[in-house]
């Protein structure tokens, strides 16, 4: 193996591949990036068996070959490499990598043990704008559970019908849903993408434009994103029927400036207790929303937000971090908060966008 590549392009490709290596791998090959040079191109492959990528780069190849290189070591060298081009050559079990000002000899691993990536047949797929799918995953992924007790809650749910693709995630205490346009109509069955894999998919989508076609079967999901092939396993399970807990009508509604709500929550977090508890009250008579937090060891704070209010008076306690999280998917200037009374979940929306909502359960204490 012998090749030469623009340093910047090689750095970017290895940085992407390195995100998919297994940090504490039982199988040593999973901590490596597989590199293969042939026919004027370089292929880099990495997988943790949950998800994986295959990246193709046009390079100057003067010798074909295959090597499995520790991902963290290769990335560590290239991250500090200087110069326009970087060359690499395989000498026995050592990959010699050289830039203008530095060179390294990296011990390789047996590449025969490196797994292949699953290829999903092209008979089932859906098409969306790449930027829309990226925004949909970003709008909900933070709500996925971190507990391993219920794998289906450790996922981002994707499903489509009537020209819309819906992304959903929940940890049972809060839930987020975002809908985007599904090209060519049709329907998509429930696909449960592990939250970690969905986050990596989102990061790949950040750098592309135009439409993307996503392929799936009962066990895998895949997509060709520019020069990068991505694949992820799907969780075998049933996502909760969340639609039955989403209120259809409300007894109280408040609309306020997003910036006012965000600033208040940030300030209140300084005074919140170990449960991040924030008291939330809507006062229709005064047209005010009041938020307060108290920590016996620090002190207390009360913030008042002028709001447009309809309906009944309301007072509940929430996890302040959960309320703040909702705002990362609110891009407009105003927030709409709706509820059906004490003890019931509140619905948080972008006041000018009906494609997203966030459901938060109140705290019992």
Protein backbone atom coordinates (compact mmCIF):
# COMPACT_ATOMS: atom_id res chain seq x y z
CA UNK A 1 0.00 0.00 0.00
CA UNK A 2 1.22 3.45 -0.93
CA UNK A 3 -0.80 6.62 -1.45
CA UNK A 4 -0.73 10.41 -1.19
CA UNK A 5 -3.67 12.58 -0.19
CA UNK A 6 -4.39 16.25 0.53
CA UNK A 7 -3.80 16.55 4.28
CA UNK A 8 -7.03 18.38 5.07
CA UNK A 9 -9.22 15.85 3.26
CA UNK A 10 -7.49 12.91 4.91
CA UNK A 11 -7.80 14.54 8.35
CA UNK A 12 -11.54 15.05 7.87
CA UNK A 13 -12.15 11.49 6.69
CA UNK A 14 -10.16 9.89 9.52
CA UNK A 15 -11.87 12.15 12.08
CA UNK A 16 -15.27 10.91 10.89
CA UNK A 17 -14.20 7.27 10.83
CA UNK A 18 -12.62 7.53 14.29
CA UNK A 19 -16.01 8.41 15.80
CA UNK A 20 -17.24 4.93 14.89
CA UNK A 21 -14.43 2.85 16.37
CA UNK A 22 -15.13 0.94 19.57
CA UNK A 23 -13.16 2.56 22.40
CA UNK A 24 -13.17 -0.52 24.67
CA UNK A 25 -13.37 -3.22 22.08
CA UNK A 26 -13.42 -6.90 23.00
CA UNK A 27 -12.47 -7.54 19.39
CA UNK A 28 -9.22 -5.55 18.81
CA UNK A 29 -10.07 -4.95 15.14
CA UNK A 30 -13.03 -2.75 16.20
CA UNK A 31 -10.62 -0.17 17.63
CA UNK A 32 -9.09 0.22 14.18
CA UNK A 33 -9.89 2.04 10.96
CA UNK A 34 -9.61 -0.23 7.94
CA UNK A 35 -7.77 1.47 5.06
CA UNK A 36 -7.67 0.12 1.51
CA UNK A 37 -6.03 1.79 -1.49
CA UNK A 38 -6.84 0.81 -5.05
CA UNK A 39 -7.62 2.35 -8.41
CA UNK A 40 -7.01 5.99 -7.51
CA UNK A 41 -9.12 5.95 -4.37
CA UNK A 42 -8.77 5.34 -0.66
CA UNK A 43 -11.49 3.57 1.32
CA UNK A 44 -11.75 4.01 5.09
CA UNK A 45 -14.10 1.82 7.11
CA UNK A 46 -14.96 1.84 10.81
CA UNK A 47 -17.65 0.16 12.88
CA UNK A 48 -18.60 -0.61 16.47
CA UNK A 49 -21.10 -3.27 15.28
CA UNK A 50 -23.95 -0.93 16.23
CA UNK A 51 -23.30 1.42 13.34
CA UNK A 52 -20.53 2.03 10.85
CA UNK A 53 -19.22 4.17 7.99
CA UNK A 54 -17.33 3.66 4.79
CA UNK A 55 -15.68 6.74 3.30
CA UNK A 56 -14.15 6.96 -0.18
CA UNK A 57 -11.50 9.57 -1.02
CA UNK A 58 -9.88 10.28 -4.39
CA UNK A 59 -6.11 10.00 -3.79
CA UNK A 60 -2.93 9.31 -5.72
CA UNK A 61 -2.35 5.56 -5.38
CA UNK A 62 1.04 4.12 -6.28
CA UNK A 63 0.59 0.83 -4.48
CA UNK A 64 -2.56 -1.12 -3.63
CA UNK A 65 -3.08 -2.72 -0.25
CA UNK A 66 -5.13 -3.06 2.94
CA UNK A 67 -4.28 -2.19 6.55
CA UNK A 68 -6.12 -1.90 9.88
CA UNK A 69 -4.73 1.06 11.82
CA UNK A 70 -5.62 2.08 15.41
CA UNK A 71 -8.09 4.91 14.87
CA UNK A 72 -7.05 7.08 17.83
CA UNK A 73 -3.35 6.86 16.91
CA UNK A 74 -3.87 7.76 13.25
CA UNK A 75 -6.21 10.62 14.13
CA UNK A 76 -3.79 11.90 16.78
CA UNK A 77 -1.00 12.18 14.22
CA UNK A 78 -3.11 13.69 11.43
CA UNK A 79 -4.74 16.23 13.76
CA UNK A 80 -1.36 17.87 14.16
CA UNK A 81 -0.04 17.26 10.65
CA UNK A 82 1.03 20.26 8.60
CA UNK A 83 1.54 20.73 4.92
CA UNK A 84 -0.50 20.41 1.76
CA UNK A 85 -0.16 16.64 1.33
CA UNK A 86 0.30 13.55 3.46
CA UNK A 87 1.70 10.28 2.17
CA UNK A 88 1.48 6.78 3.62
CA UNK A 89 3.10 3.46 2.81
CA UNK A 90 2.74 0.02 4.34
CA UNK A 91 6.03 -1.70 5.19
CA UNK A 92 5.30 -5.13 6.59
CA UNK A 93 3.12 -4.58 9.67
CA UNK A 94 3.94 -0.87 9.99
CA UNK A 95 2.19 2.02 8.26
CA UNK A 96 4.59 4.91 7.70
CA UNK A 97 2.72 8.23 7.54
CA UNK A 98 4.56 11.38 6.51
CA UNK A 99 3.65 15.07 6.19
CA UNK A 100 5.86 18.09 5.48
CA UNK A 101 7.11 18.44 9.05
CA UNK A 102 6.54 15.11 10.75
CA UNK A 103 6.48 11.41 10.18
CA UNK A 104 5.19 8.45 12.17
CA UNK A 105 5.42 4.69 12.06
CA UNK A 106 2.17 3.11 13.23
CA UNK A 107 1.87 -0.57 14.05
CA UNK A 108 -1.08 -2.12 12.24
CA UNK A 109 -3.47 -4.91 13.25
CA UNK A 110 -4.55 -8.03 11.35
CA UNK A 111 -7.13 -6.73 8.87
CA UNK A 112 -8.60 -10.18 8.21
CA UNK A 113 -10.63 -9.89 11.43
CA UNK A 114 -12.27 -6.62 10.39
CA UNK A 115 -16.04 -7.02 9.83
CA UNK A 116 -17.80 -6.00 6.64
CA UNK A 117 -20.62 -3.45 6.76
CA UNK A 118 -24.17 -4.67 6.06
CA UNK A 119 -25.60 -3.55 2.71
CA UNK A 120 -29.31 -2.82 2.71
CA UNK A 121 -31.25 -3.84 -0.40
CA UNK A 122 -32.74 -0.97 -2.37
CA UNK A 123 -36.34 -2.24 -2.42
CA UNK A 124 -37.49 -0.17 0.60
CA UNK A 125 -36.50 3.46 1.05
CA UNK A 126 -37.70 7.02 1.62
CA UNK A 127 -36.42 10.38 0.40
CA UNK A 128 -36.19 13.64 2.37
CA UNK A 129 -34.07 16.77 2.34
CA UNK A 130 -30.82 16.07 4.18
CA UNK A 131 -31.04 19.31 6.17
CA UNK A 132 -34.63 18.52 7.21
CA UNK A 133 -33.71 15.04 8.45
CA UNK A 134 -30.75 16.49 10.36
CA UNK A 135 -33.04 19.06 12.04
CA UNK A 136 -35.65 16.41 12.84
CA UNK A 137 -33.14 14.18 14.63
CA UNK A 138 -31.58 17.16 16.43
CA UNK A 139 -35.03 18.32 17.58
CA UNK A 140 -35.79 15.09 19.45
CA UNK A 141 -32.67 12.98 20.13
CA UNK A 142 -31.88 14.62 23.50
CA UNK A 143 -35.15 13.18 24.86
CA UNK A 144 -34.09 9.56 24.36
CA UNK A 145 -33.58 7.55 27.53
CA UNK A 146 -30.08 6.80 28.79
CA UNK A 147 -31.30 3.74 30.72
CA UNK A 148 -30.77 0.30 29.20
CA UNK A 149 -33.87 -1.17 30.85
CA UNK A 150 -36.12 -0.37 27.88
CA UNK A 151 -34.08 -0.39 24.63
CA UNK A 152 -37.00 1.02 22.65
CA UNK A 153 -36.74 4.23 24.72
CA UNK A 154 -33.02 4.48 23.92
CA UNK A 155 -33.97 5.22 20.34
CA UNK A 156 -35.17 7.84 17.91
CA UNK A 157 -38.39 6.68 16.26
CA UNK A 158 -38.83 7.46 12.56
CA UNK A 159 -42.08 6.78 10.73
CA UNK A 160 -43.89 8.30 7.79
CA UNK A 161 -47.37 8.68 6.34
CA UNK A 162 -49.40 11.15 4.29
CA UNK A 163 -46.35 12.94 2.93
CA UNK A 164 -44.75 13.50 6.35
CA UNK A 165 -41.84 11.87 8.14
CA UNK A 166 -42.03 12.05 11.93
CA UNK A 167 -39.15 11.79 14.42
CA UNK A 168 -39.91 11.09 18.09
CA UNK A 169 -37.94 10.36 21.25
CA UNK A 170 -38.91 9.99 24.91
CA UNK A 171 -37.52 8.89 28.27
CA UNK A 172 -41.02 8.67 29.87
CA UNK A 173 -40.57 12.04 31.63
CA UNK A 174 -40.53 14.19 28.50
CA UNK A 175 -41.14 13.65 24.80
CA UNK A 176 -40.35 15.54 21.60
CA UNK A 177 -41.85 15.18 18.12
CA UNK A 178 -40.78 16.83 14.86
CA UNK A 179 -42.35 16.35 11.41
CA UNK A 180 -40.76 17.07 8.04
CA UNK A 181 -41.82 16.67 4.40
CA UNK A 182 -41.53 13.16 3.02
CA UNK A 183 -40.77 13.24 -0.71
CA UNK A 184 -42.94 11.18 -3.07
CA UNK A 185 -45.51 10.52 -0.35
CA UNK A 186 -45.89 6.91 0.63
CA UNK A 187 -45.44 5.52 4.11
CA UNK A 188 -42.56 4.39 6.31
CA UNK A 189 -43.01 1.78 9.07
CA UNK A 190 -41.72 2.43 12.57
CA UNK A 191 -37.92 2.41 12.52
CA UNK A 192 -36.21 2.50 15.92
CA UNK A 193 -32.70 3.92 15.47
CA UNK A 194 -30.47 3.71 18.58
CA UNK A 195 -30.07 7.27 19.89
CA UNK A 196 -26.26 7.18 19.74
CA UNK A 197 -26.40 6.04 16.11
CA UNK A 198 -28.99 8.66 15.27
CA UNK A 199 -26.71 11.36 16.68
CA UNK A 200 -23.85 10.19 14.44
CA UNK A 201 -26.22 10.09 11.45
CA UNK A 202 -27.21 13.67 12.26
CA UNK A 203 -23.56 14.81 12.32
CA UNK A 204 -22.96 13.30 8.88
CA UNK A 205 -26.04 15.06 7.50
CA UNK A 206 -24.78 18.45 8.72
CA UNK A 207 -22.29 18.75 5.87
CA UNK A 208 -24.48 17.81 2.89
CA UNK A 209 -27.30 19.50 0.99
CA UNK A 210 -30.05 18.37 -1.32
CA UNK A 211 -32.13 15.21 -1.04
CA UNK A 212 -31.02 11.99 0.63
CA UNK A 213 -32.44 8.52 0.13
CA UNK A 214 -32.54 6.31 3.22
CA UNK A 215 -32.78 2.53 2.81
CA UNK A 216 -34.08 0.13 5.43
CA UNK A 217 -35.08 -3.45 6.14
CA UNK A 218 -36.21 -5.19 9.32
CA UNK A 219 -32.79 -4.97 10.96
CA UNK A 220 -30.76 -2.19 9.33
CA UNK A 221 -30.95 1.39 8.07
CA UNK A 222 -28.44 2.88 5.65
CA UNK A 223 -27.76 5.94 3.51
CA UNK A 224 -25.17 7.18 1.04
CA UNK A 225 -24.20 10.67 2.22
CA UNK A 226 -21.90 12.17 -0.38
CA UNK A 227 -18.77 9.98 -0.34
CA UNK A 228 -19.79 8.38 2.97
CA UNK A 229 -21.87 5.24 3.39
CA UNK A 230 -23.60 5.03 6.80
CA UNK A 231 -25.38 2.04 8.29
CA UNK A 232 -27.04 1.43 11.65
CA UNK A 233 -28.79 -1.48 13.26
CA UNK A 234 -32.46 -1.01 14.17
CA UNK A 235 -33.90 -1.89 17.57
CA UNK A 236 -36.40 -4.73 17.56
CA UNK A 237 -39.21 -3.47 19.76
CA UNK A 238 -42.43 -1.49 19.96
CA UNK A 239 -42.34 2.23 20.66
CA UNK A 240 -44.99 3.42 23.16
CA UNK A 241 -48.27 4.65 21.71
CA UNK A 242 -47.44 8.21 22.69
CA UNK A 243 -50.24 9.81 20.70
CA UNK A 244 -52.80 8.78 23.31
CA UNK A 245 -51.14 11.00 25.95
CA UNK A 246 -50.84 14.11 23.75
CA UNK A 247 -53.67 16.50 24.73
CA UNK A 248 -56.04 17.65 21.99
CA UNK A 249 -57.41 20.68 23.85
CA UNK A 250 -56.17 22.89 26.70
CA UNK A 251 -57.54 24.87 29.63
CA UNK A 252 -54.56 27.23 29.83
CA UNK A 253 -52.26 28.80 27.25
CA UNK A 254 -49.40 31.28 27.59
CA UNK A 255 -47.29 32.84 24.82
CA UNK A 256 -44.03 34.56 25.73
CA UNK A 257 -40.77 35.63 24.11
CA UNK A 258 -38.35 32.75 23.71
CA UNK A 259 -35.46 34.88 24.90
CA UNK A 260 -37.28 35.84 28.12
CA UNK A 261 -38.07 32.19 28.88
CA UNK A 262 -34.54 31.04 28.08
CA UNK A 263 -32.85 33.77 30.14
CA UNK A 264 -35.07 33.07 33.15
CA UNK A 265 -34.34 29.33 33.07
CA UNK A 266 -30.59 29.90 32.82
CA UNK A 267 -30.65 32.27 35.77
CA UNK A 268 -32.88 29.99 37.86
CA UNK A 269 -30.52 27.04 37.36
CA UNK A 270 -28.03 28.76 39.68
CA UNK A 271 -30.52 28.52 42.56
CA UNK A 272 -32.13 25.16 41.74
CA UNK A 273 -31.90 22.27 44.20
CA UNK A 274 -30.37 18.87 43.46
CA UNK A 275 -33.53 17.87 41.59
CA UNK A 276 -33.30 21.00 39.35
CA UNK A 277 -36.82 21.85 40.51
CA UNK A 278 -38.44 25.00 39.14
CA UNK A 279 -41.86 26.26 40.20
CA UNK A 280 -43.91 27.39 37.22
CA UNK A 281 -47.06 29.52 37.59
CA UNK A 282 -49.39 31.19 35.06
CA UNK A 283 -51.44 34.16 36.28
CA UNK A 284 -54.11 35.22 33.74
CA UNK A 285 -55.16 38.26 35.80
CA UNK A 286 -51.68 39.79 35.76
CA UNK A 287 -50.76 38.40 32.32
CA UNK A 288 -47.61 36.98 33.86
CA UNK A 289 -45.71 33.71 34.02
CA UNK A 290 -43.68 33.35 37.20
CA UNK A 291 -40.77 30.96 37.58
CA UNK A 292 -38.92 30.40 40.83
CA UNK A 293 -36.25 28.12 42.27
CA UNK A 294 -34.91 27.64 45.77
CA UNK A 295 -31.88 25.92 47.24
CA UNK A 296 -31.45 26.09 51.05
CA UNK A 297 -27.67 26.16 50.61
CA UNK A 298 -27.61 28.93 47.99
CA UNK A 299 -30.74 31.06 48.12
CA UNK A 300 -33.74 31.61 45.93
CA UNK A 301 -34.84 33.53 42.85
CA UNK A 302 -38.12 34.58 41.28
CA UNK A 303 -38.44 35.60 37.62
CA UNK A 304 -41.52 37.14 36.04
CA UNK A 305 -42.26 37.07 32.31
CA UNK A 306 -44.93 39.21 30.67
CA UNK A 307 -47.09 36.91 28.54
CA UNK A 308 -50.25 36.64 26.48
CA UNK A 309 -52.46 34.30 28.49
CA UNK A 310 -55.78 32.55 27.92
CA UNK A 311 -57.64 30.27 30.31
CA UNK A 312 -57.21 29.24 33.91
CA UNK A 313 -54.61 29.94 36.55
CA UNK A 314 -51.96 27.25 36.86
CA UNK A 315 -49.11 26.29 39.21
CA UNK A 316 -46.81 23.24 38.96
CA UNK A 317 -43.22 22.15 39.52
CA UNK A 318 -40.91 20.96 36.74
CA UNK A 319 -37.35 19.86 36.17
CA UNK A 320 -35.81 23.12 34.98
CA UNK A 321 -33.34 21.35 32.71
CA UNK A 322 -36.20 19.63 30.92
CA UNK A 323 -37.89 22.96 30.27
CA UNK A 324 -34.64 24.49 28.98
CA UNK A 325 -33.99 21.50 26.70
CA UNK A 326 -37.20 22.19 24.81
CA UNK A 327 -35.83 25.48 23.51
CA UNK A 328 -33.09 23.92 21.39
CA UNK A 329 -35.73 23.06 18.79
CA UNK A 330 -37.60 26.39 19.02
CA UNK A 331 -36.22 28.71 16.34
CA UNK A 332 -38.90 31.39 16.37
CA UNK A 333 -39.10 34.42 18.60
CA UNK A 334 -41.99 33.20 20.76
CA UNK A 335 -42.88 30.09 22.77
CA UNK A 336 -46.40 28.71 23.27
CA UNK A 337 -47.05 26.75 26.49
CA UNK A 338 -50.29 24.81 26.92
CA UNK A 339 -51.72 22.73 29.77
CA UNK A 340 -54.86 21.10 31.10
CA UNK A 341 -54.29 21.92 34.75
CA UNK A 342 -52.24 20.84 37.79
CA UNK A 343 -50.65 17.42 37.59
CA UNK A 344 -50.99 17.27 33.80
CA UNK A 345 -48.17 17.49 31.25
CA UNK A 346 -47.43 20.79 29.53
CA UNK A 347 -46.94 21.17 25.81
CA UNK A 348 -44.22 23.55 24.61
CA UNK A 349 -44.19 24.71 20.98
CA UNK A 350 -42.63 27.26 18.71
CA UNK A 351 -45.50 29.75 18.48
CA UNK A 352 -44.99 30.04 14.71
CA UNK A 353 -44.22 26.39 13.90
CA UNK A 354 -46.68 23.52 14.25
CA UNK A 355 -44.17 20.87 13.11
CA UNK A 356 -42.58 20.53 16.57
CA UNK A 357 -43.86 19.98 20.09
CA UNK A 358 -42.30 19.05 23.42
CA UNK A 359 -44.20 17.35 26.22
CA UNK A 360 -42.92 17.62 29.80
CA UNK A 361 -44.34 15.87 32.86
CA UNK A 362 -44.53 17.81 36.15
CA UNK A 363 -42.59 16.75 39.23
CA UNK A 364 -44.58 15.04 41.97
CA UNK A 365 -42.75 16.64 44.89
